[in-house]
């Protein structure tokens, strides 16, 4: 039987998002991407809401990989291979 896993970035004090502010409390660096890449390789599919689906489709389909770090491109390649509904 398949498992459903919920994943999000959360600060140590439980912060997920602040109204009107960018997520500047999370450090998006190579270490975080490598960790996420290893998790994403185990994913069999994504179950997203409409907003998340549309946002990711628009973001990754129009992205110029020439200006990206290799670990970000690796994430994008992993992400594009995983079915999303």
PDB file of N, CA and C in Angstrom:
ATOM      1  N   UNK A   1       0.840  -1.168   0.000  1.00  0.00           N
ATOM      2  CA  UNK A   1       0.000   0.000   0.000  1.00  0.00           C
ATOM      3  C   UNK A   1       0.898   1.248   0.000  1.00  0.00           C
ATOM      4  N   UNK A   2       0.519   2.236  -0.775  1.00  0.00           N
ATOM      5  CA  UNK A   2       1.268   3.488  -0.846  1.00  0.00           C
ATOM      6  C   UNK A   2       1.034   4.323   0.409  1.00  0.00           C
ATOM      7  N   UNK A   3       2.005   5.177   0.712  1.00  0.00           N
ATOM      8  CA  UNK A   3       1.884   6.088   1.854  1.00  0.00           C
ATOM      9  C   UNK A   3       1.724   7.511   1.334  1.00  0.00           C
ATOM     10  N   UNK A   4       1.021   8.328   2.072  1.00  0.00           N
ATOM     11  CA  UNK A   4       0.937   9.749   1.784  1.00  0.00           C
ATOM     12  C   UNK A   4       1.795  10.458   2.821  1.00  0.00           C
ATOM     13  N   UNK A   5       2.740  11.263   2.335  1.00  0.00           N
ATOM     14  CA  UNK A   5       3.663  11.977   3.215  1.00  0.00           C
ATOM     15  C   UNK A   5       3.462  13.470   3.010  1.00  0.00           C
ATOM     16  N   UNK A   6       3.285  14.193   4.094  1.00  0.00           N
ATOM     17  CA  UNK A   6       3.145  15.648   4.051  1.00  0.00           C
ATOM     18  C   UNK A   6       4.489  16.252   4.389  1.00  0.00           C
ATOM     19  N   UNK A   7       4.984  17.157   3.528  1.00  0.00           N
ATOM     20  CA  UNK A   7       6.282  17.777   3.761  1.00  0.00           C
ATOM     21  C   UNK A   7       6.150  19.283   3.620  1.00  0.00           C
ATOM     22  N   UNK A   8       6.718  20.012   4.561  1.00  0.00           N
ATOM     23  CA  UNK A   8       6.786  21.465   4.476  1.00  0.00           C
ATOM     24  C   UNK A   8       7.999  21.931   5.271  1.00  0.00           C
ATOM     25  N   UNK A   9       8.432  23.136   4.995  1.00  0.00           N
ATOM     26  CA  UNK A   9       9.530  23.730   5.759  1.00  0.00           C
ATOM     27  C   UNK A   9       8.922  24.484   6.940  1.00  0.00           C
ATOM     28  N   UNK A  10       9.432  24.201   8.118  1.00  0.00           N
ATOM     29  CA  UNK A  10       8.921  24.807   9.345  1.00  0.00           C
ATOM     30  C   UNK A  10      10.107  25.251  10.187  1.00  0.00           C
ATOM     31  N   UNK A  11      10.018  26.448  10.766  1.00  0.00           N
ATOM     32  CA  UNK A  11      11.087  26.922  11.643  1.00  0.00           C
ATOM     33  C   UNK A  11      11.039  26.162  12.970  1.00  0.00           C
ATOM     34  N   UNK A  12      12.056  26.314  13.782  1.00  0.00           N
ATOM     35  CA  UNK A  12      12.102  25.622  15.069  1.00  0.00           C
ATOM     36  C   UNK A  12      10.967  26.036  16.003  1.00  0.00           C
ATOM     37  N   UNK A  13      10.448  27.244  15.806  1.00  0.00           N
ATOM     38  CA  UNK A  13       9.325  27.673  16.653  1.00  0.00           C
ATOM     39  C   UNK A  13       7.969  27.485  15.974  1.00  0.00           C
ATOM     40  N   UNK A  14       7.934  26.697  14.878  1.00  0.00           N
ATOM     41  CA  UNK A  14       6.670  26.338  14.247  1.00  0.00           C
ATOM     42  C   UNK A  14       6.182  27.272  13.156  1.00  0.00           C
ATOM     43  N   UNK A  15       6.985  28.246  12.762  1.00  0.00           N
ATOM     44  CA  UNK A  15       6.589  29.202  11.727  1.00  0.00           C
ATOM     45  C   UNK A  15       6.629  28.551  10.345  1.00  0.00           C
ATOM     46  N   UNK A  16       5.544  28.706   9.606  1.00  0.00           N
ATOM     47  CA  UNK A  16       5.484  28.210   8.233  1.00  0.00           C
ATOM     48  C   UNK A  16       5.478  29.386   7.266  1.00  0.00           C
ATOM     49  N   UNK A  17       4.676  30.393   7.561  1.00  0.00           N
ATOM     50  CA  UNK A  17       4.535  31.540   6.667  1.00  0.00           C
ATOM     51  C   UNK A  17       4.062  32.742   7.465  1.00  0.00           C
ATOM     52  N   UNK A  18       4.527  33.922   7.050  1.00  0.00           N
ATOM     53  CA  UNK A  18       4.064  35.159   7.669  1.00  0.00           C
ATOM     54  C   UNK A  18       3.287  35.947   6.620  1.00  0.00           C
ATOM     55  N   UNK A  19       2.143  36.495   6.972  1.00  0.00           N
ATOM     56  CA  UNK A  19       1.344  37.252   6.004  1.00  0.00           C
ATOM     57  C   UNK A  19       2.139  38.404   5.388  1.00  0.00           C
ATOM     58  N   UNK A  20       2.189  38.451   4.062  1.00  0.00           N
ATOM     59  CA  UNK A  20       2.818  39.556   3.362  1.00  0.00           C
ATOM     60  C   UNK A  20       4.333  39.549   3.337  1.00  0.00           C
ATOM     61  N   UNK A  21       4.958  38.640   4.026  1.00  0.00           N
ATOM     62  CA  UNK A  21       6.419  38.611   4.076  1.00  0.00           C
ATOM     63  C   UNK A  21       6.958  37.403   3.329  1.00  0.00           C
ATOM     64  N   UNK A  22       8.118  37.558   2.692  1.00  0.00           N
ATOM     65  CA  UNK A  22       8.731  36.393   2.052  1.00  0.00           C
ATOM     66  C   UNK A  22       9.244  35.426   3.110  1.00  0.00           C
ATOM     67  N   UNK A  23       9.496  34.210   2.696  1.00  0.00           N
ATOM     68  CA  UNK A  23      10.004  33.199   3.636  1.00  0.00           C
ATOM     69  C   UNK A  23      11.498  33.400   3.834  1.00  0.00           C
ATOM     70  N   UNK A  24      11.878  34.526   4.442  1.00  0.00           N
ATOM     71  CA  UNK A  24      13.295  34.820   4.634  1.00  0.00           C
ATOM     72  C   UNK A  24      13.872  34.159   5.889  1.00  0.00           C
ATOM     73  N   UNK A  25      13.065  33.406   6.590  1.00  0.00           N
ATOM     74  CA  UNK A  25      13.539  32.698   7.768  1.00  0.00           C
ATOM     75  C   UNK A  25      14.134  31.344   7.412  1.00  0.00           C
ATOM     76  N   UNK A  26      13.882  30.864   6.200  1.00  0.00           N
ATOM     77  CA  UNK A  26      14.461  29.594   5.773  1.00  0.00           C
ATOM     78  C   UNK A  26      15.644  29.892   4.860  1.00  0.00           C
ATOM     79  N   UNK A  27      16.749  29.223   5.101  1.00  0.00           N
ATOM     80  CA  UNK A  27      17.952  29.421   4.294  1.00  0.00           C
ATOM     81  C   UNK A  27      17.933  28.394   3.170  1.00  0.00           C
ATOM     82  N   UNK A  28      17.680  28.873   1.965  1.00  0.00           N
ATOM     83  CA  UNK A  28      17.624  27.991   0.805  1.00  0.00           C
ATOM     84  C   UNK A  28      19.024  27.963   0.199  1.00  0.00           C
ATOM     85  N   UNK A  29      19.784  26.950   0.583  1.00  0.00           N
ATOM     86  CA  UNK A  29      21.158  26.833   0.117  1.00  0.00           C
ATOM     87  C   UNK A  29      21.409  25.436  -0.435  1.00  0.00           C
ATOM     88  N   UNK A  30      22.638  25.150  -0.786  1.00  0.00           N
ATOM     89  CA  UNK A  30      22.968  23.861  -1.370  1.00  0.00           C
ATOM     90  C   UNK A  30      22.641  22.705  -0.424  1.00  0.00           C
ATOM     91  N   UNK A  31      22.900  22.873   0.864  1.00  0.00           N
ATOM     92  CA  UNK A  31      22.624  21.812   1.830  1.00  0.00           C
ATOM     93  C   UNK A  31      21.134  21.452   1.850  1.00  0.00           C
ATOM     94  N   UNK A  32      20.265  22.467   1.858  1.00  0.00           N
ATOM     95  CA  UNK A  32      18.826  22.218   1.871  1.00  0.00           C
ATOM     96  C   UNK A  32      18.385  21.550   0.567  1.00  0.00           C
ATOM     97  N   UNK A  33      18.907  22.025  -0.564  1.00  0.00           N
ATOM     98  CA  UNK A  33      18.542  21.422  -1.847  1.00  0.00           C
ATOM     99  C   UNK A  33      19.004  19.976  -1.926  1.00  0.00           C
ATOM    100  N   UNK A  34      20.217  19.681  -1.495  1.00  0.00           N
ATOM    101  CA  UNK A  34      20.714  18.294  -1.540  1.00  0.00           C
ATOM    102  C   UNK A  34      19.842  17.390  -0.666  1.00  0.00           C
ATOM    103  N   UNK A  35      19.479  17.872   0.504  1.00  0.00           N
ATOM    104  CA  UNK A  35      18.602  17.113   1.387  1.00  0.00           C
ATOM    105  C   UNK A  35      17.256  16.867   0.712  1.00  0.00           C
ATOM    106  N   UNK A  36      16.669  17.941   0.145  1.00  0.00           N
ATOM    107  CA  UNK A  36      15.388  17.811  -0.548  1.00  0.00           C
ATOM    108  C   UNK A  36      15.497  16.894  -1.757  1.00  0.00           C
ATOM    109  N   UNK A  37      16.594  16.980  -2.501  1.00  0.00           N
ATOM    110  CA  UNK A  37      16.786  16.117  -3.662  1.00  0.00           C
ATOM    111  C   UNK A  37      16.748  14.648  -3.255  1.00  0.00           C
ATOM    112  N   UNK A  38      17.398  14.316  -2.159  1.00  0.00           N
ATOM    113  CA  UNK A  38      17.401  12.929  -1.690  1.00  0.00           C
ATOM    114  C   UNK A  38      16.002  12.478  -1.271  1.00  0.00           C
ATOM    115  N   UNK A  39      15.221  13.364  -0.670  1.00  0.00           N
ATOM    116  CA  UNK A  39      13.838  13.029  -0.310  1.00  0.00           C
ATOM    117  C   UNK A  39      12.973  12.869  -1.557  1.00  0.00           C
ATOM    118  N   UNK A  40      13.130  13.785  -2.502  1.00  0.00           N
ATOM    119  CA  UNK A  40      12.287  13.784  -3.702  1.00  0.00           C
ATOM    120  C   UNK A  40      12.499  12.535  -4.555  1.00  0.00           C
ATOM    121  N   UNK A  41      13.687  11.974  -4.546  1.00  0.00           N
ATOM    122  CA  UNK A  41      13.947  10.757  -5.325  1.00  0.00           C
ATOM    123  C   UNK A  41      13.064   9.591  -4.882  1.00  0.00           C
ATOM    124  N   UNK A  42      12.548   9.646  -3.674  1.00  0.00           N
ATOM    125  CA  UNK A  42      11.725   8.573  -3.122  1.00  0.00           C
ATOM    126  C   UNK A  42      10.233   8.773  -3.388  1.00  0.00           C
ATOM    127  N   UNK A  43       9.860   9.921  -3.965  1.00  0.00           N
ATOM    128  CA  UNK A  43       8.459  10.267  -4.170  1.00  0.00           C
ATOM    129  C   UNK A  43       7.915   9.558  -5.407  1.00  0.00           C
ATOM    130  N   UNK A  44       6.726   8.980  -5.276  1.00  0.00           N
ATOM    131  CA  UNK A  44       6.087   8.311  -6.402  1.00  0.00           C
ATOM    132  C   UNK A  44       5.101   9.196  -7.134  1.00  0.00           C
ATOM    133  N   UNK A  45       4.691  10.296  -6.516  1.00  0.00           N
ATOM    134  CA  UNK A  45       3.754  11.222  -7.137  1.00  0.00           C
ATOM    135  C   UNK A  45       3.430  12.356  -6.185  1.00  0.00           C
ATOM    136  N   UNK A  46       2.959  13.450  -6.735  1.00  0.00           N
ATOM    137  CA  UNK A  46       2.564  14.609  -5.938  1.00  0.00           C
ATOM    138  C   UNK A  46       1.051  14.751  -5.970  1.00  0.00           C
ATOM    139  N   UNK A  47       0.483  15.141  -4.870  1.00  0.00           N
ATOM    140  CA  UNK A  47      -0.937  15.470  -4.778  1.00  0.00           C
ATOM    141  C   UNK A  47      -1.008  16.925  -4.322  1.00  0.00           C
ATOM    142  N   UNK A  48      -1.254  17.815  -5.266  1.00  0.00           N
ATOM    143  CA  UNK A  48      -1.224  19.248  -4.994  1.00  0.00           C
ATOM    144  C   UNK A  48      -2.585  19.878  -5.188  1.00  0.00           C
ATOM    145  N   UNK A  49      -2.775  20.995  -4.535  1.00  0.00           N
ATOM    146  CA  UNK A  49      -3.925  21.834  -4.809  1.00  0.00           C
ATOM    147  C   UNK A  49      -3.694  22.601  -6.104  1.00  0.00           C
ATOM    148  N   UNK A  50      -4.737  23.236  -6.606  1.00  0.00           N
ATOM    149  CA  UNK A  50      -4.641  23.946  -7.881  1.00  0.00           C
ATOM    150  C   UNK A  50      -3.562  25.023  -7.868  1.00  0.00           C
ATOM    151  N   UNK A  51      -3.508  25.819  -6.808  1.00  0.00           N
ATOM    152  CA  UNK A  51      -2.537  26.908  -6.733  1.00  0.00           C
ATOM    153  C   UNK A  51      -1.102  26.422  -6.784  1.00  0.00           C
ATOM    154  N   UNK A  52      -0.793  25.403  -6.015  1.00  0.00           N
ATOM    155  CA  UNK A  52       0.554  24.853  -5.995  1.00  0.00           C
ATOM    156  C   UNK A  52       0.918  24.239  -7.345  1.00  0.00           C
ATOM    157  N   UNK A  53      -0.032  23.520  -7.931  1.00  0.00           N
ATOM    158  CA  UNK A  53       0.200  22.890  -9.229  1.00  0.00           C
ATOM    159  C   UNK A  53       0.491  23.950 -10.296  1.00  0.00           C
ATOM    160  N   UNK A  54      -0.367  24.975 -10.378  1.00  0.00           N
ATOM    161  CA  UNK A  54      -0.182  26.019 -11.384  1.00  0.00           C
ATOM    162  C   UNK A  54       1.099  26.801 -11.159  1.00  0.00           C
ATOM    163  N   UNK A  55       1.420  27.098  -9.913  1.00  0.00           N
ATOM    164  CA  UNK A  55       2.644  27.832  -9.591  1.00  0.00           C
ATOM    165  C   UNK A  55       3.878  27.049 -10.024  1.00  0.00           C
ATOM    166  N   UNK A  56       3.941  25.778  -9.682  1.00  0.00           N
ATOM    167  CA  UNK A  56       5.107  24.971 -10.038  1.00  0.00           C
ATOM    168  C   UNK A  56       5.217  24.736 -11.531  1.00  0.00           C
ATOM    169  N   UNK A  57       4.093  24.507 -12.204  1.00  0.00           N
ATOM    170  CA  UNK A  57       4.123  24.330 -13.655  1.00  0.00           C
ATOM    171  C   UNK A  57       4.688  25.575 -14.333  1.00  0.00           C
ATOM    172  N   UNK A  58       4.217  26.753 -13.922  1.00  0.00           N
ATOM    173  CA  UNK A  58       4.669  28.006 -14.521  1.00  0.00           C
ATOM    174  C   UNK A  58       6.141  28.267 -14.190  1.00  0.00           C
ATOM    175  N   UNK A  59       6.516  28.023 -12.960  1.00  0.00           N
ATOM    176  CA  UNK A  59       7.887  28.287 -12.528  1.00  0.00           C
ATOM    177  C   UNK A  59       8.899  27.422 -13.262  1.00  0.00           C
ATOM    178  N   UNK A  60       8.685  26.121 -13.247  1.00  0.00           N
ATOM    179  CA  UNK A  60       9.696  25.219 -13.791  1.00  0.00           C
ATOM    180  C   UNK A  60       9.664  25.085 -15.300  1.00  0.00           C
ATOM    181  N   UNK A  61       8.546  25.367 -15.935  1.00  0.00           N
ATOM    182  CA  UNK A  61       8.500  25.240 -17.387  1.00  0.00           C
ATOM    183  C   UNK A  61       9.180  26.420 -18.082  1.00  0.00           C
ATOM    184  N   UNK A  62       9.247  27.570 -17.428  1.00  0.00           N
ATOM    185  CA  UNK A  62       9.815  28.768 -18.043  1.00  0.00           C
ATOM    186  C   UNK A  62      11.195  29.115 -17.495  1.00  0.00           C
ATOM    187  N   UNK A  63      11.810  28.225 -16.760  1.00  0.00           N
ATOM    188  CA  UNK A  63      13.061  28.528 -16.091  1.00  0.00           C
ATOM    189  C   UNK A  63      14.263  28.319 -16.998  1.00  0.00           C
ATOM    190  N   UNK A  64      15.185  29.278 -16.954  1.00  0.00           N
ATOM    191  CA  UNK A  64      16.444  29.182 -17.694  1.00  0.00           C
ATOM    192  C   UNK A  64      17.478  28.500 -16.804  1.00  0.00           C
ATOM    193  N   UNK A  65      17.841  27.273 -17.136  1.00  0.00           N
ATOM    194  CA  UNK A  65      18.742  26.503 -16.285  1.00  0.00           C
ATOM    195  C   UNK A  65      20.196  26.948 -16.394  1.00  0.00           C
ATOM    196  N   UNK A  66      20.521  27.743 -17.389  1.00  0.00           N
ATOM    197  CA  UNK A  66      21.910  28.189 -17.570  1.00  0.00           C
ATOM    198  C   UNK A  66      22.404  29.021 -16.390  1.00  0.00           C
ATOM    199  N   UNK A  67      21.516  29.750 -15.763  1.00  0.00           N
ATOM    200  CA  UNK A  67      21.905  30.630 -14.659  1.00  0.00           C
ATOM    201  C   UNK A  67      21.745  29.969 -13.291  1.00  0.00           C
ATOM    202  N   UNK A  68      21.342  28.696 -13.257  1.00  0.00           N
ATOM    203  CA  UNK A  68      21.082  28.005 -11.987  1.00  0.00           C
ATOM    204  C   UNK A  68      22.290  27.219 -11.505  1.00  0.00           C
ATOM    205  N   UNK A  69      22.342  27.047 -10.205  1.00  0.00           N
ATOM    206  CA  UNK A  69      23.334  26.163  -9.610  1.00  0.00           C
ATOM    207  C   UNK A  69      22.993  24.723  -9.991  1.00  0.00           C
ATOM    208  N   UNK A  70      23.986  23.855 -10.042  1.00  0.00           N
ATOM    209  CA  UNK A  70      23.788  22.461 -10.457  1.00  0.00           C
ATOM    210  C   UNK A  70      22.799  21.723  -9.564  1.00  0.00           C
ATOM    211  N   UNK A  71      22.801  21.988  -8.254  1.00  0.00           N
ATOM    212  CA  UNK A  71      21.894  21.293  -7.343  1.00  0.00           C
ATOM    213  C   UNK A  71      20.442  21.730  -7.539  1.00  0.00           C
ATOM    214  N   UNK A  72      20.216  22.946  -8.014  1.00  0.00           N
ATOM    215  CA  UNK A  72      18.857  23.407  -8.317  1.00  0.00           C
ATOM    216  C   UNK A  72      18.365  22.746  -9.605  1.00  0.00           C
ATOM    217  N   UNK A  73      19.245  22.660 -10.595  1.00  0.00           N
ATOM    218  CA  UNK A  73      18.905  21.981 -11.845  1.00  0.00           C
ATOM    219  C   UNK A  73      18.602  20.512 -11.561  1.00  0.00           C
ATOM    220  N   UNK A  74      19.379  19.896 -10.673  1.00  0.00           N
ATOM    221  CA  UNK A  74      19.137  18.504 -10.289  1.00  0.00           C
ATOM    222  C   UNK A  74      17.743  18.355  -9.682  1.00  0.00           C
ATOM    223  N   UNK A  75      17.351  19.279  -8.806  1.00  0.00           N
ATOM    224  CA  UNK A  75      16.020  19.237  -8.211  1.00  0.00           C
ATOM    225  C   UNK A  75      14.950  19.333  -9.290  1.00  0.00           C
ATOM    226  N   UNK A  76      15.141  20.270 -10.224  1.00  0.00           N
ATOM    227  CA  UNK A  76      14.167  20.459 -11.287  1.00  0.00           C
ATOM    228  C   UNK A  76      14.020  19.190 -12.124  1.00  0.00           C
ATOM    229  N   UNK A  77      15.125  18.530 -12.423  1.00  0.00           N
ATOM    230  CA  UNK A  77      15.073  17.299 -13.217  1.00  0.00           C
ATOM    231  C   UNK A  77      14.351  16.187 -12.469  1.00  0.00           C
ATOM    232  N   UNK A  78      14.592  16.077 -11.177  1.00  0.00           N
ATOM    233  CA  UNK A  78      13.897  15.078 -10.353  1.00  0.00           C
ATOM    234  C   UNK A  78      12.409  15.403 -10.328  1.00  0.00           C
ATOM    235  N   UNK A  79      12.094  16.668 -10.070  1.00  0.00           N
ATOM    236  CA  UNK A  79      10.703  17.111  -9.944  1.00  0.00           C
ATOM    237  C   UNK A  79       9.907  16.857 -11.212  1.00  0.00           C
ATOM    238  N   UNK A  80      10.503  17.136 -12.374  1.00  0.00           N
ATOM    239  CA  UNK A  80       9.780  16.983 -13.642  1.00  0.00           C
ATOM    240  C   UNK A  80       9.443  15.530 -13.962  1.00  0.00           C
ATOM    241  N   UNK A  81      10.171  14.588 -13.399  1.00  0.00           N
ATOM    242  CA  UNK A  81       9.929  13.159 -13.675  1.00  0.00           C
ATOM    243  C   UNK A  81       8.828  12.567 -12.807  1.00  0.00           C
ATOM    244  N   UNK A  82       8.427  13.269 -11.766  1.00  0.00           N
ATOM    245  CA  UNK A  82       7.437  12.740 -10.817  1.00  0.00           C
ATOM    246  C   UNK A  82       6.041  13.197 -11.240  1.00  0.00           C
ATOM    247  N   UNK A  83       5.097  12.248 -11.398  1.00  0.00           N
ATOM    248  CA  UNK A  83       3.738  12.642 -11.780  1.00  0.00           C
ATOM    249  C   UNK A  83       3.069  13.508 -10.714  1.00  0.00           C
ATOM    250  N   UNK A  84       2.306  14.498 -11.152  1.00  0.00           N
ATOM    251  CA  UNK A  84       1.580  15.381 -10.230  1.00  0.00           C
ATOM    252  C   UNK A  84       0.112  15.403 -10.624  1.00  0.00           C
ATOM    253  N   UNK A  85      -0.744  15.294  -9.608  1.00  0.00           N
ATOM    254  CA  UNK A  85      -2.180  15.406  -9.844  1.00  0.00           C
ATOM    255  C   UNK A  85      -2.764  16.451  -8.922  1.00  0.00           C
TER     256      UNK A  85
END
